[in-house]
Amino acid sequence: MILAAISTSLITVVVLTCVVFGKAAAELVAEYEAFSES
């Protein structure tokens, strides 16, 4: 039970990290595209 809880929380942390980095990368790409157009 403890291992299952730990693995579940680890998966949650990994997914949240991927989402946060994905949003940050999307914002960086949008800023880079806007900068390269000007």
PDB file of N, CA and C in Angstrom:
ATOM      1  N   MET A   1       0.836  -1.208   0.000  1.00  0.00           N
ATOM      2  CA  MET A   1       0.000   0.000   0.000  1.00  0.00           C
ATOM      3  C   MET A   1       0.869   1.256   0.000  1.00  0.00           C
ATOM      4  N   ILE A   2       1.919   1.236   0.839  1.00  0.00           N
ATOM      5  CA  ILE A   2       2.771   2.428   0.917  1.00  0.00           C
ATOM      6  C   ILE A   2       3.476   2.658  -0.424  1.00  0.00           C
ATOM      7  N   LEU A   3       3.984   1.568  -1.012  1.00  0.00           N
ATOM      8  CA  LEU A   3       4.675   1.722  -2.295  1.00  0.00           C
ATOM      9  C   LEU A   3       3.716   2.231  -3.358  1.00  0.00           C
ATOM     10  N   ALA A   4       2.484   1.752  -3.346  1.00  0.00           N
ATOM     11  CA  ALA A   4       1.507   2.215  -4.336  1.00  0.00           C
ATOM     12  C   ALA A   4       1.250   3.709  -4.167  1.00  0.00           C
ATOM     13  N   ALA A   5       1.147   4.163  -2.926  1.00  0.00           N
ATOM     14  CA  ALA A   5       0.911   5.586  -2.685  1.00  0.00           C
ATOM     15  C   ALA A   5       2.101   6.410  -3.149  1.00  0.00           C
ATOM     16  N   ILE A   6       3.304   5.912  -2.887  1.00  0.00           N
ATOM     17  CA  ILE A   6       4.508   6.640  -3.298  1.00  0.00           C
ATOM     18  C   ILE A   6       4.589   6.720  -4.821  1.00  0.00           C
ATOM     19  N   SER A   7       4.349   5.596  -5.499  1.00  0.00           N
ATOM     20  CA  SER A   7       4.432   5.606  -6.958  1.00  0.00           C
ATOM     21  C   SER A   7       3.354   6.504  -7.548  1.00  0.00           C
ATOM     22  N   THR A   8       2.165   6.503  -6.955  1.00  0.00           N
ATOM     23  CA  THR A   8       1.092   7.369  -7.459  1.00  0.00           C
ATOM     24  C   THR A   8       1.476   8.835  -7.306  1.00  0.00           C
ATOM     25  N   SER A   9       2.029   9.203  -6.152  1.00  0.00           N
ATOM     26  CA  SER A   9       2.419  10.593  -5.943  1.00  0.00           C
ATOM     27  C   SER A   9       3.572  10.967  -6.867  1.00  0.00           C
ATOM     28  N   LEU A  10       4.481  10.033  -7.117  1.00  0.00           N
ATOM     29  CA  LEU A  10       5.589  10.319  -8.031  1.00  0.00           C
ATOM     30  C   LEU A  10       5.066  10.571  -9.437  1.00  0.00           C
ATOM     31  N   ILE A  11       4.116   9.740  -9.879  1.00  0.00           N
ATOM     32  CA  ILE A  11       3.542   9.931 -11.214  1.00  0.00           C
ATOM     33  C   ILE A  11       2.855  11.292 -11.288  1.00  0.00           C
ATOM     34  N   THR A  12       2.138  11.655 -10.222  1.00  0.00           N
ATOM     35  CA  THR A  12       1.463  12.956 -10.206  1.00  0.00           C
ATOM     36  C   THR A  12       2.475  14.086 -10.315  1.00  0.00           C
ATOM     37  N   VAL A  13       3.568  13.981  -9.582  1.00  0.00           N
ATOM     38  CA  VAL A  13       4.599  15.030  -9.625  1.00  0.00           C
ATOM     39  C   VAL A  13       5.204  15.126 -11.023  1.00  0.00           C
ATOM     40  N   VAL A  14       5.480  13.981 -11.639  1.00  0.00           N
ATOM     41  CA  VAL A  14       6.074  13.991 -12.980  1.00  0.00           C
ATOM     42  C   VAL A  14       5.115  14.629 -13.977  1.00  0.00           C
ATOM     43  N   VAL A  15       3.835  14.266 -13.904  1.00  0.00           N
ATOM     44  CA  VAL A  15       2.854  14.830 -14.843  1.00  0.00           C
ATOM     45  C   VAL A  15       2.736  16.337 -14.644  1.00  0.00           C
ATOM     46  N   LEU A  16       2.652  16.773 -13.391  1.00  0.00           N
ATOM     47  CA  LEU A  16       2.541  18.213 -13.132  1.00  0.00           C
ATOM     48  C   LEU A  16       3.782  18.947 -13.629  1.00  0.00           C
ATOM     49  N   THR A  17       4.959  18.343 -13.433  1.00  0.00           N
ATOM     50  CA  THR A  17       6.191  18.973 -13.907  1.00  0.00           C
ATOM     51  C   THR A  17       6.185  19.106 -15.426  1.00  0.00           C
ATOM     52  N   CYS A  18       5.742  18.052 -16.108  1.00  0.00           N
ATOM     53  CA  CYS A  18       5.676  18.104 -17.573  1.00  0.00           C
ATOM     54  C   CYS A  18       4.713  19.192 -18.022  1.00  0.00           C
ATOM     55  N   VAL A  19       3.575  19.318 -17.341  1.00  0.00           N
ATOM     56  CA  VAL A  19       2.599  20.346 -17.716  1.00  0.00           C
ATOM     57  C   VAL A  19       3.193  21.738 -17.524  1.00  0.00           C
ATOM     58  N   VAL A  20       3.868  21.946 -16.392  1.00  0.00           N
ATOM     59  CA  VAL A  20       4.447  23.264 -16.109  1.00  0.00           C
ATOM     60  C   VAL A  20       5.526  23.599 -17.134  1.00  0.00           C
ATOM     61  N   PHE A  21       6.413  22.634 -17.418  1.00  0.00           N
ATOM     62  CA  PHE A  21       7.469  22.891 -18.396  1.00  0.00           C
ATOM     63  C   PHE A  21       6.884  23.086 -19.786  1.00  0.00           C
ATOM     64  N   GLY A  22       5.821  22.352 -20.107  1.00  0.00           N
ATOM     65  CA  GLY A  22       5.167  22.506 -21.410  1.00  0.00           C
ATOM     66  C   GLY A  22       4.612  23.909 -21.583  1.00  0.00           C
ATOM     67  N   LYS A  23       3.950  24.422 -20.538  1.00  0.00           N
ATOM     68  CA  LYS A  23       3.400  25.776 -20.621  1.00  0.00           C
ATOM     69  C   LYS A  23       4.524  26.792 -20.752  1.00  0.00           C
ATOM     70  N   ALA A  24       5.594  26.620 -19.976  1.00  0.00           N
ATOM     71  CA  ALA A  24       6.716  27.551 -20.034  1.00  0.00           C
ATOM     72  C   ALA A  24       7.362  27.521 -21.419  1.00  0.00           C
ATOM     73  N   ALA A  25       7.523  26.323 -21.978  1.00  0.00           N
ATOM     74  CA  ALA A  25       8.125  26.204 -23.305  1.00  0.00           C
ATOM     75  C   ALA A  25       7.227  26.849 -24.351  1.00  0.00           C
ATOM     76  N   ALA A  26       5.917  26.666 -24.241  1.00  0.00           N
ATOM     77  CA  ALA A  26       4.992  27.270 -25.207  1.00  0.00           C
ATOM     78  C   ALA A  26       5.081  28.791 -25.143  1.00  0.00           C
ATOM     79  N   GLU A  27       5.172  29.340 -23.929  1.00  0.00           N
ATOM     80  CA  GLU A  27       5.294  30.790 -23.796  1.00  0.00           C
ATOM     81  C   GLU A  27       6.612  31.280 -24.388  1.00  0.00           C
ATOM     82  N   LEU A  28       7.698  30.530 -24.149  1.00  0.00           N
ATOM     83  CA  LEU A  28       8.991  30.928 -24.703  1.00  0.00           C
ATOM     84  C   LEU A  28       8.958  30.900 -26.224  1.00  0.00           C
ATOM     85  N   VAL A  29       8.339  29.868 -26.797  1.00  0.00           N
ATOM     86  CA  VAL A  29       8.248  29.774 -28.260  1.00  0.00           C
ATOM     87  C   VAL A  29       7.431  30.937 -28.808  1.00  0.00           C
ATOM     88  N   ALA A  30       6.322  31.270 -28.142  1.00  0.00           N
ATOM     89  CA  ALA A  30       5.488  32.382 -28.606  1.00  0.00           C
ATOM     90  C   ALA A  30       6.270  33.691 -28.545  1.00  0.00           C
ATOM     91  N   GLU A  31       7.009  33.909 -27.461  1.00  0.00           N
ATOM     92  CA  GLU A  31       7.808  35.128 -27.350  1.00  0.00           C
ATOM     93  C   GLU A  31       8.905  35.154 -28.413  1.00  0.00           C
ATOM     94  N   TYR A  32       9.533  33.996 -28.678  1.00  0.00           N
ATOM     95  CA  TYR A  32      10.601  33.951 -29.675  1.00  0.00           C
ATOM     96  C   TYR A  32      10.053  34.247 -31.064  1.00  0.00           C
ATOM     97  N   GLU A  33       8.858  33.686 -31.366  1.00  0.00           N
ATOM     98  CA  GLU A  33       8.266  33.941 -32.679  1.00  0.00           C
ATOM     99  C   GLU A  33       7.910  35.421 -32.831  1.00  0.00           C
ATOM    100  N   ALA A  34       7.352  36.016 -31.786  1.00  0.00           N
ATOM    101  CA  ALA A  34       7.007  37.437 -31.842  1.00  0.00           C
ATOM    102  C   ALA A  34       8.274  38.279 -31.974  1.00  0.00           C
ATOM    103  N   PHE A  35       9.354  37.868 -31.311  1.00  0.00           N
ATOM    104  CA  PHE A  35      10.606  38.621 -31.376  1.00  0.00           C
ATOM    105  C   PHE A  35      11.241  38.500 -32.759  1.00  0.00           C
ATOM    106  N   SER A  36      11.185  37.304 -33.361  1.00  0.00           N
ATOM    107  CA  SER A  36      11.829  37.099 -34.657  1.00  0.00           C
ATOM    108  C   SER A  36      11.056  37.798 -35.769  1.00  0.00           C
ATOM    109  N   GLU A  37       9.749  38.019 -35.572  1.00  0.00           N
ATOM    110  CA  GLU A  37       8.975  38.699 -36.609  1.00  0.00           C
ATOM    111  C   GLU A  37       9.309  40.185 -36.657  1.00  0.00           C
ATOM    112  N   SER A  38       9.612  40.797 -35.505  1.00  0.00           N
ATOM    113  CA  SER A  38       9.876  42.233 -35.453  1.00  0.00           C
ATOM    114  C   SER A  38      11.274  42.566 -35.949  1.00  0.00           C
TER     115      SER A  38
END
